[in-house]
């Protein structure tokens, strides 16, 4: 696969069950742009989640599925931890997926 030299940055997604109906369309647009442009780097710059999530929650599965999808179209994915009140400990769960998403950097 050929990657462009672009960097795509998204921030403040605040993924949550409560906000999902408002976030689904813009988040899917973000994913489609990644698929179209095949960037070198995708940065998720904080507050990926709205609140602490557990690995068994549907919104967490949605977030992981999209990171897996992004990993097919971007050479590197960088997820930066957001504020304490939003991403607190939720990104630690993502570390367990490094074997499946080797181009994910937390």
Protein backbone atom coordinates (compact mmCIF):
# COMPACT_ATOMS: atom_id res chain seq x y z
CA UNK A 1 0.00 0.00 0.00
CA UNK A 2 1.23 3.47 -0.80
CA UNK A 3 0.84 6.09 1.90
CA UNK A 4 0.60 9.82 1.29
CA UNK A 5 2.80 12.20 3.22
CA UNK A 6 -0.20 13.64 5.03
CA UNK A 7 -0.98 13.80 8.69
CA UNK A 8 -4.64 13.70 9.72
CA UNK A 9 -5.48 14.94 13.20
CA UNK A 10 -8.73 14.44 15.06
CA UNK A 11 -9.44 15.54 18.60
CA UNK A 12 -12.14 15.68 21.22
CA UNK A 13 -14.28 12.86 19.87
CA UNK A 14 -15.64 12.17 23.38
CA UNK A 15 -16.93 8.74 22.38
CA UNK A 16 -19.69 7.62 24.72
CA UNK A 17 -22.98 5.82 24.61
CA UNK A 18 -24.80 9.02 25.51
CA UNK A 19 -23.20 11.10 22.73
CA UNK A 20 -23.01 8.41 20.06
CA UNK A 21 -26.04 9.59 18.05
CA UNK A 22 -24.33 12.98 17.61
CA UNK A 23 -20.85 11.62 17.00
CA UNK A 24 -21.49 8.77 14.61
CA UNK A 25 -21.77 10.80 11.39
CA UNK A 26 -18.75 13.11 11.94
CA UNK A 27 -16.63 10.23 13.23
CA UNK A 28 -17.47 8.13 10.17
CA UNK A 29 -16.55 11.10 7.95
CA UNK A 30 -13.16 11.17 9.74
CA UNK A 31 -12.70 7.45 9.00
CA UNK A 32 -13.68 7.87 5.33
CA UNK A 33 -11.14 10.66 4.90
CA UNK A 34 -8.47 8.37 6.31
CA UNK A 35 -9.50 5.62 3.89
CA UNK A 36 -9.44 8.05 0.98
CA UNK A 37 -6.16 9.82 1.75
CA UNK A 38 -4.14 6.92 3.23
CA UNK A 39 -2.10 9.23 5.45
CA UNK A 40 1.31 8.55 6.83
CA UNK A 41 0.15 9.44 10.35
CA UNK A 42 -3.20 9.73 12.09
CA UNK A 43 -3.19 11.56 15.42
CA UNK A 44 -6.09 11.28 17.84
CA UNK A 45 -5.25 14.25 20.00
CA UNK A 46 -6.94 13.71 23.31
CA UNK A 47 -10.36 13.00 24.73
CA UNK A 48 -11.01 10.00 22.48
CA UNK A 49 -13.46 8.85 25.15
CA UNK A 50 -15.88 11.01 27.08
CA UNK A 51 -15.47 9.17 30.36
CA UNK A 52 -13.73 6.14 31.79
CA UNK A 53 -14.78 3.08 29.80
CA UNK A 54 -14.44 -0.62 30.44
CA UNK A 55 -13.31 -3.14 27.87
CA UNK A 56 -16.72 -4.83 27.87
CA UNK A 57 -18.68 -1.71 26.86
CA UNK A 58 -20.10 -1.35 23.34
CA UNK A 59 -18.53 2.09 22.85
CA UNK A 60 -15.11 0.63 23.64
CA UNK A 61 -15.63 -2.10 21.02
CA UNK A 62 -16.66 0.59 18.52
CA UNK A 63 -13.52 2.57 19.33
CA UNK A 64 -11.27 -0.49 18.91
CA UNK A 65 -12.92 -1.54 15.65
CA UNK A 66 -12.28 1.92 14.24
CA UNK A 67 -8.65 1.91 15.37
CA UNK A 68 -8.26 -1.45 13.61
CA UNK A 69 -9.84 0.05 10.50
CA UNK A 70 -7.61 3.14 10.66
CA UNK A 71 -4.57 0.86 11.01
CA UNK A 72 -5.31 -0.56 7.55
CA UNK A 73 -5.10 2.87 5.92
CA UNK A 74 -2.50 4.79 7.96
CA UNK A 75 1.12 3.85 8.51
CA UNK A 76 1.11 5.12 12.12
CA UNK A 77 -1.64 5.93 14.62
CA UNK A 78 -0.80 8.11 17.59
CA UNK A 79 -3.32 8.41 20.40
CA UNK A 80 -2.55 11.15 22.89
CA UNK A 81 -4.15 10.94 26.30
CA UNK A 82 -6.62 13.72 26.91
CA UNK A 83 -7.80 15.30 30.08
CA UNK A 84 -7.98 13.42 33.34
CA UNK A 85 -11.78 13.65 33.40
CA UNK A 86 -12.21 12.04 29.98
CA UNK A 87 -9.44 9.61 29.04
CA UNK A 88 -8.40 8.65 32.58
CA UNK A 89 -7.20 5.01 32.47
CA UNK A 90 -9.26 4.27 29.35
CA UNK A 91 -6.24 4.44 27.08
CA UNK A 92 -4.42 1.93 29.26
CA UNK A 93 -6.90 -0.68 28.02
CA UNK A 94 -5.77 0.07 24.45
CA UNK A 95 -2.26 -1.17 25.33
CA UNK A 96 -3.62 -4.71 25.32
CA UNK A 97 -4.34 -4.32 21.60
CA UNK A 98 -0.76 -3.53 20.54
CA UNK A 99 -0.33 -7.08 19.21
CA UNK A 100 -3.31 -6.56 16.89
CA UNK A 101 -2.52 -2.96 15.99
CA UNK A 102 1.29 -2.81 15.84
CA UNK A 103 1.27 0.67 14.32
CA UNK A 104 -0.62 2.11 17.33
CA UNK A 105 1.35 4.37 19.62
CA UNK A 106 -0.02 5.57 22.95
